[in-house]
Amino acid sequence: MVHPQAAWCDSIDDILAVMGERDIVTHCFHESECGILDDNGKVRKSVHEAMERGVVFDVGHGAGSFSWDTVESAMRQGVAPQTISSDLHIYNVNGPVYDLANVVTKFLHLGMSLNDAIAKVTSVPAEVILMSDKIGTLAPGAWGDAIISELREGEFQLVDSRGETRIGRQNFVPVTVVKGGRVYRQRAS
């Protein structure tokens, strides 16, 4: 997994040129240098070529890697992230990320289907890291980790890494966490 930075390359093109199947590039759905869009707002040719080779593009929302404008532009051009991650840490847990469910909610707001968004945080990453028989599934013999969630309707503030706010109409909320086949945590109603 690579986090492209201007500090060690001139362009994301340099990084993608050496990446292959199941290699993951994260923190790239932003408007800064080393993002997936060129100066004209077009998805870079190197991104399309890398996707054809099987390079996986991950959100890695974090404190600086999720821009509404960039994600919308990329998705309009047929490039959606293949996996969705939060990059949750001390500098974004109180916003704009909060948790992985909030990042999923943002993609629902962008028009991604619930099934597609859930796959991008479960079965797809499991396939990428060659663990689809153990994680990202409820098949017999798997680890038995799951969440039970509600899709709530209303008005919900959704903030990108630049502080731009959108109002979502749905909120993906985990209510029960199952770890190893046993209830680990349940949210009070």
C-alpha atoms as a PDB file:
ATOM      1  CA  MET A   1       0.000   0.000   0.000  1.00  0.00           C
ATOM      2  CA  VAL A   2       1.362   3.376  -1.020  1.00  0.00           C
ATOM      3  CA  HIS A   3       0.469   6.855   0.176  1.00  0.00           C
ATOM      4  CA  PRO A   4       1.679   9.176  -2.611  1.00  0.00           C
ATOM      5  CA  GLN A   5       3.280  12.411  -1.436  1.00  0.00           C
ATOM      6  CA  ALA A   6       4.836  15.306  -3.270  1.00  0.00           C
ATOM      7  CA  ALA A   7       7.748  15.087  -0.821  1.00  0.00           C
ATOM      8  CA  TRP A   8       9.097  11.982  -2.550  1.00  0.00           C
ATOM      9  CA  CYS A   9       7.786  12.092  -6.113  1.00  0.00           C
ATOM     10  CA  ASP A  10       6.932  14.642  -8.763  1.00  0.00           C
ATOM     11  CA  SER A  11       3.620  13.033  -9.677  1.00  0.00           C
ATOM     12  CA  ILE A  12       1.401  10.083  -8.835  1.00  0.00           C
ATOM     13  CA  ASP A  13       2.325   8.962 -12.370  1.00  0.00           C
ATOM     14  CA  ASP A  14       5.804   8.037 -11.060  1.00  0.00           C
ATOM     15  CA  ILE A  15       4.350   5.838  -8.346  1.00  0.00           C
ATOM     16  CA  LEU A  16       1.712   4.157 -10.481  1.00  0.00           C
ATOM     17  CA  ALA A  17       4.313   3.271 -13.103  1.00  0.00           C
ATOM     18  CA  VAL A  18       5.868   0.720 -10.725  1.00  0.00           C
ATOM     19  CA  MET A  19       2.671  -0.666  -9.192  1.00  0.00           C
ATOM     20  CA  GLY A  20       1.009  -3.910 -10.227  1.00  0.00           C
ATOM     21  CA  GLU A  21      -1.912  -6.198  -9.538  1.00  0.00           C
ATOM     22  CA  ARG A  22      -3.336  -5.934  -5.985  1.00  0.00           C
ATOM     23  CA  ASP A  23      -0.912  -3.148  -5.075  1.00  0.00           C
ATOM     24  CA  ILE A  24      -2.935  -0.449  -3.317  1.00  0.00           C
ATOM     25  CA  VAL A  25      -2.664   3.307  -3.675  1.00  0.00           C
ATOM     26  CA  THR A  26      -4.488   5.213  -0.945  1.00  0.00           C
ATOM     27  CA  HIS A  27      -4.960   8.881   0.029  1.00  0.00           C
ATOM     28  CA  CYS A  28      -5.443   9.949  -3.586  1.00  0.00           C
ATOM     29  CA  PHE A  29      -9.019  11.304  -3.817  1.00  0.00           C
ATOM     30  CA  HIS A  30      -8.032  14.889  -3.054  1.00  0.00           C
ATOM     31  CA  GLU A  31      -7.231  18.016  -5.038  1.00  0.00           C
ATOM     32  CA  SER A  32      -3.589  18.264  -3.938  1.00  0.00           C
ATOM     33  CA  GLU A  33      -0.464  17.184  -5.781  1.00  0.00           C
ATOM     34  CA  CYS A  34      -0.191  13.431  -6.231  1.00  0.00           C
ATOM     35  CA  GLY A  35      -3.958  13.040  -6.509  1.00  0.00           C
ATOM     36  CA  ILE A  36      -5.725  11.116  -9.259  1.00  0.00           C
ATOM     37  CA  LEU A  37      -6.838  14.210 -11.189  1.00  0.00           C
ATOM     38  CA  ASP A  38      -4.611  16.276 -13.464  1.00  0.00           C
ATOM     39  CA  ASP A  39      -4.505  20.096 -13.493  1.00  0.00           C
ATOM     40  CA  ASN A  40      -7.578  20.146 -15.763  1.00  0.00           C
ATOM     41  CA  GLY A  41      -9.690  17.989 -13.433  1.00  0.00           C
ATOM     42  CA  LYS A  42      -9.403  14.885 -15.602  1.00  0.00           C
ATOM     43  CA  VAL A  43      -8.525  11.456 -14.265  1.00  0.00           C
ATOM     44  CA  ARG A  44      -4.887  10.907 -15.161  1.00  0.00           C
ATOM     45  CA  LYS A  45      -4.066   8.473 -17.945  1.00  0.00           C
ATOM     46  CA  SER A  46      -1.726   6.695 -15.503  1.00  0.00           C
ATOM     47  CA  VAL A  47      -4.697   6.006 -13.210  1.00  0.00           C
ATOM     48  CA  HIS A  48      -6.666   4.299 -15.983  1.00  0.00           C
ATOM     49  CA  GLU A  49      -3.592   2.286 -17.009  1.00  0.00           C
ATOM     50  CA  ALA A  50      -2.921   1.251 -13.408  1.00  0.00           C
ATOM     51  CA  MET A  51      -6.527   0.159 -12.928  1.00  0.00           C
ATOM     52  CA  GLU A  52      -6.256  -1.993 -16.055  1.00  0.00           C
ATOM     53  CA  ARG A  53      -3.167  -3.657 -14.498  1.00  0.00           C
ATOM     54  CA  GLY A  54      -5.135  -4.399 -11.298  1.00  0.00           C
ATOM     55  CA  VAL A  55      -3.832  -1.609  -9.064  1.00  0.00           C
ATOM     56  CA  VAL A  56      -6.418  -0.939  -6.348  1.00  0.00           C
ATOM     57  CA  PHE A  57      -7.465   2.642  -5.558  1.00  0.00           C
ATOM     58  CA  ASP A  58      -8.495   3.186  -1.936  1.00  0.00           C
ATOM     59  CA  VAL A  59     -10.020   6.282  -0.348  1.00  0.00           C
ATOM     60  CA  GLY A  60      -8.014   6.506   2.882  1.00  0.00           C
ATOM     61  CA  HIS A  61     -10.191   9.492   3.905  1.00  0.00           C
ATOM     62  CA  GLY A  62      -7.982  10.713   6.756  1.00  0.00           C
ATOM     63  CA  ALA A  63      -7.599  14.382   7.593  1.00  0.00           C
ATOM     64  CA  GLY A  64      -6.620  15.415   4.073  1.00  0.00           C
ATOM     65  CA  SER A  65      -7.515  12.827   1.455  1.00  0.00           C
ATOM     66  CA  PHE A  66     -11.225  13.138   0.730  1.00  0.00           C
ATOM     67  CA  SER A  67     -12.495  16.054  -1.342  1.00  0.00           C
ATOM     68  CA  TRP A  68     -16.150  16.119  -2.440  1.00  0.00           C
ATOM     69  CA  ASP A  69     -15.211  17.780  -5.736  1.00  0.00           C
ATOM     70  CA  THR A  70     -12.442  15.292  -6.517  1.00  0.00           C
ATOM     71  CA  VAL A  71     -14.474  12.194  -5.682  1.00  0.00           C
ATOM     72  CA  GLU A  72     -17.479  13.469  -7.648  1.00  0.00           C
ATOM     73  CA  SER A  73     -15.333  14.347 -10.652  1.00  0.00           C
ATOM     74  CA  ALA A  74     -13.577  10.978 -10.599  1.00  0.00           C
ATOM     75  CA  MET A  75     -16.850   9.079 -10.266  1.00  0.00           C
ATOM     76  CA  ARG A  76     -18.393  11.042 -13.167  1.00  0.00           C
ATOM     77  CA  GLN A  77     -15.387   9.907 -15.221  1.00  0.00           C
ATOM     78  CA  GLY A  78     -15.945   6.276 -14.244  1.00  0.00           C
ATOM     79  CA  VAL A  79     -13.307   6.052 -11.506  1.00  0.00           C
ATOM     80  CA  ALA A  80     -14.709   5.169  -8.101  1.00  0.00           C
ATOM     81  CA  PRO A  81     -12.528   3.870  -5.294  1.00  0.00           C
ATOM     82  CA  GLN A  82     -12.362   0.095  -5.285  1.00  0.00           C
ATOM     83  CA  THR A  83     -12.008   0.021  -1.505  1.00  0.00           C
ATOM     84  CA  ILE A  84     -13.191   2.454   1.148  1.00  0.00           C
ATOM     85  CA  SER A  85     -11.167   3.071   4.282  1.00  0.00           C
ATOM     86  CA  SER A  86     -11.206   5.710   6.989  1.00  0.00           C
ATOM     87  CA  ASP A  87      -7.541   6.182   7.951  1.00  0.00           C
ATOM     88  CA  LEU A  88      -8.946   6.918  11.408  1.00  0.00           C
ATOM     89  CA  HIS A  89      -6.493   8.538  13.813  1.00  0.00           C
ATOM     90  CA  ILE A  90      -6.315  11.087  16.610  1.00  0.00           C
ATOM     91  CA  TYR A  91      -6.413  14.057  14.214  1.00  0.00           C
ATOM     92  CA  ASN A  92      -9.677  13.077  12.472  1.00  0.00           C
ATOM     93  CA  VAL A  93     -11.683  10.944  14.920  1.00  0.00           C
ATOM     94  CA  ASN A  94     -13.535  14.082  16.044  1.00  0.00           C
ATOM     95  CA  GLY A  95     -14.094  15.103  12.413  1.00  0.00           C
ATOM     96  CA  PRO A  96     -14.165  14.968   9.515  1.00  0.00           C
ATOM     97  CA  VAL A  97     -13.884  11.146   9.525  1.00  0.00           C
ATOM     98  CA  TYR A  98     -15.429  10.085  12.878  1.00  0.00           C
ATOM     99  CA  ASP A  99     -15.555   6.401  11.871  1.00  0.00           C
ATOM    100  CA  LEU A 100     -15.764   4.065   8.890  1.00  0.00           C
ATOM    101  CA  ALA A 101     -19.574   4.122   8.930  1.00  0.00           C
ATOM    102  CA  ASN A 102     -19.463   7.897   8.379  1.00  0.00           C
ATOM    103  CA  VAL A 103     -17.206   7.402   5.351  1.00  0.00           C
ATOM    104  CA  VAL A 104     -19.663   4.827   3.971  1.00  0.00           C
ATOM    105  CA  THR A 105     -22.450   7.377   4.553  1.00  0.00           C
ATOM    106  CA  LYS A 106     -20.548   9.894   2.413  1.00  0.00           C
ATOM    107  CA  PHE A 107     -20.442   7.462  -0.494  1.00  0.00           C
ATOM    108  CA  LEU A 108     -24.158   6.762  -0.140  1.00  0.00           C
ATOM    109  CA  HIS A 109     -24.654  10.524  -0.442  1.00  0.00           C
ATOM    110  CA  LEU A 110     -22.570  10.430  -3.633  1.00  0.00           C
ATOM    111  CA  GLY A 111     -24.982   7.907  -5.121  1.00  0.00           C
ATOM    112  CA  MET A 112     -23.138   4.649  -4.467  1.00  0.00           C
ATOM    113  CA  SER A 113     -25.503   1.796  -3.699  1.00  0.00           C
ATOM    114  CA  LEU A 114     -25.563   0.410  -0.176  1.00  0.00           C
ATOM    115  CA  ASN A 115     -24.507  -3.040  -1.436  1.00  0.00           C
ATOM    116  CA  ASP A 116     -21.555  -1.585  -3.350  1.00  0.00           C
ATOM    117  CA  ALA A 117     -20.420   0.568  -0.413  1.00  0.00           C
ATOM    118  CA  ILE A 118     -20.612  -2.360   2.012  1.00  0.00           C
ATOM    119  CA  ALA A 119     -18.668  -4.590  -0.390  1.00  0.00           C
ATOM    120  CA  LYS A 120     -15.934  -1.923  -0.601  1.00  0.00           C
ATOM    121  CA  VAL A 121     -15.391  -2.140   3.177  1.00  0.00           C
ATOM    122  CA  THR A 122     -15.775  -5.919   3.492  1.00  0.00           C
ATOM    123  CA  SER A 123     -15.486  -8.472   0.699  1.00  0.00           C
ATOM    124  CA  VAL A 124     -13.463  -6.402  -1.789  1.00  0.00           C
ATOM    125  CA  PRO A 125     -10.604  -5.545   0.623  1.00  0.00           C
ATOM    126  CA  ALA A 126     -10.631  -9.166   1.807  1.00  0.00           C
ATOM    127  CA  GLU A 127     -10.150 -10.329  -1.795  1.00  0.00           C
ATOM    128  CA  VAL A 128      -7.373  -7.801  -2.392  1.00  0.00           C
ATOM    129  CA  ILE A 129      -5.332  -9.075   0.569  1.00  0.00           C
ATOM    130  CA  LEU A 130      -6.100 -12.726  -0.275  1.00  0.00           C
ATOM    131  CA  MET A 131      -8.170 -13.377   2.867  1.00  0.00           C
ATOM    132  CA  SER A 132     -11.668 -13.719   1.382  1.00  0.00           C
ATOM    133  CA  ASP A 133     -12.132 -17.105   3.070  1.00  0.00           C
ATOM    134  CA  LYS A 134     -11.550 -15.572   6.543  1.00  0.00           C
ATOM    135  CA  ILE A 135     -12.755 -11.942   6.560  1.00  0.00           C
ATOM    136  CA  GLY A 136     -15.344  -9.873   4.734  1.00  0.00           C
ATOM    137  CA  THR A 137     -17.715 -12.843   4.671  1.00  0.00           C
ATOM    138  CA  LEU A 138     -20.064 -14.761   6.943  1.00  0.00           C
ATOM    139  CA  ALA A 139     -19.310 -18.084   5.217  1.00  0.00           C
ATOM    140  CA  PRO A 140     -18.741 -21.137   7.413  1.00  0.00           C
ATOM    141  CA  GLY A 141     -15.155 -21.215   8.681  1.00  0.00           C
ATOM    142  CA  ALA A 142     -14.680 -17.442   8.511  1.00  0.00           C
ATOM    143  CA  TRP A 143     -13.723 -15.433  11.577  1.00  0.00           C
ATOM    144  CA  GLY A 144     -17.317 -14.462  12.345  1.00  0.00           C
ATOM    145  CA  ASP A 145     -16.833 -10.695  12.541  1.00  0.00           C
ATOM    146  CA  ALA A 146     -19.794  -8.535  11.528  1.00  0.00           C
ATOM    147  CA  ILE A 147     -21.790  -5.440  12.286  1.00  0.00           C
ATOM    148  CA  ILE A 148     -25.517  -5.009  12.370  1.00  0.00           C
ATOM    149  CA  SER A 149     -26.410  -1.570  11.079  1.00  0.00           C
ATOM    150  CA  GLU A 150     -29.367   0.685  10.490  1.00  0.00           C
ATOM    151  CA  LEU A 151     -29.824   3.013   7.556  1.00  0.00           C
ATOM    152  CA  ARG A 152     -31.423   6.061   9.135  1.00  0.00           C
ATOM    153  CA  GLU A 153     -33.282   8.754   7.220  1.00  0.00           C
ATOM    154  CA  GLY A 154     -33.057  12.462   8.029  1.00  0.00           C
ATOM    155  CA  GLU A 155     -30.607  15.320   7.532  1.00  0.00           C
ATOM    156  CA  PHE A 156     -26.978  14.640   8.389  1.00  0.00           C
ATOM    157  CA  GLN A 157     -23.956  16.925   8.055  1.00  0.00           C
ATOM    158  CA  LEU A 158     -21.160  15.311   6.071  1.00  0.00           C
ATOM    159  CA  VAL A 159     -17.808  17.100   5.942  1.00  0.00           C
ATOM    160  CA  ASP A 160     -14.864  16.474   3.613  1.00  0.00           C
ATOM    161  CA  SER A 161     -11.187  16.974   4.462  1.00  0.00           C
ATOM    162  CA  ARG A 162     -11.305  20.604   3.311  1.00  0.00           C
ATOM    163  CA  GLY A 163     -14.207  21.456   5.606  1.00  0.00           C
ATOM    164  CA  GLU A 164     -16.816  21.533   2.834  1.00  0.00           C
ATOM    165  CA  THR A 165     -20.172  20.370   4.186  1.00  0.00           C
ATOM    166  CA  ARG A 166     -22.934  18.500   2.397  1.00  0.00           C
ATOM    167  CA  ILE A 167     -26.271  17.473   3.832  1.00  0.00           C
ATOM    168  CA  GLY A 168     -26.944  13.771   3.451  1.00  0.00           C
ATOM    169  CA  ARG A 169     -30.392  12.200   3.663  1.00  0.00           C
ATOM    170  CA  GLN A 170     -29.196   8.819   4.955  1.00  0.00           C
ATOM    171  CA  ASN A 171     -26.881   7.780   7.762  1.00  0.00           C
ATOM    172  CA  PHE A 172     -25.293   4.320   7.977  1.00  0.00           C
ATOM    173  CA  VAL A 173     -25.184   3.564  11.722  1.00  0.00           C
ATOM    174  CA  PRO A 174     -23.683   0.427  13.303  1.00  0.00           C
ATOM    175  CA  VAL A 175     -25.792  -0.765  16.226  1.00  0.00           C
ATOM    176  CA  THR A 176     -24.188  -4.119  17.111  1.00  0.00           C
ATOM    177  CA  VAL A 177     -20.640  -5.397  16.695  1.00  0.00           C
ATOM    178  CA  VAL A 178     -20.040  -9.136  16.473  1.00  0.00           C
ATOM    179  CA  LYS A 179     -16.449 -10.342  16.993  1.00  0.00           C
ATOM    180  CA  GLY A 180     -15.538 -13.987  16.558  1.00  0.00           C
ATOM    181  CA  GLY A 181     -19.214 -14.924  16.333  1.00  0.00           C
ATOM    182  CA  ARG A 182     -20.143 -13.257  19.647  1.00  0.00           C
ATOM    183  CA  VAL A 183     -21.763  -9.916  20.400  1.00  0.00           C
ATOM    184  CA  TYR A 184     -18.903  -7.627  21.352  1.00  0.00           C
ATOM    185  CA  ARG A 185     -20.701  -4.311  21.677  1.00  0.00           C
ATOM    186  CA  GLN A 186     -24.273  -3.186  21.311  1.00  0.00           C
ATOM    187  CA  ARG A 187     -25.357   0.433  21.069  1.00  0.00           C
ATOM    188  CA  ALA A 188     -28.115   1.452  23.442  1.00  0.00           C
ATOM    189  CA  SER A 189     -31.309   2.339  21.553  1.00  0.00           C
END
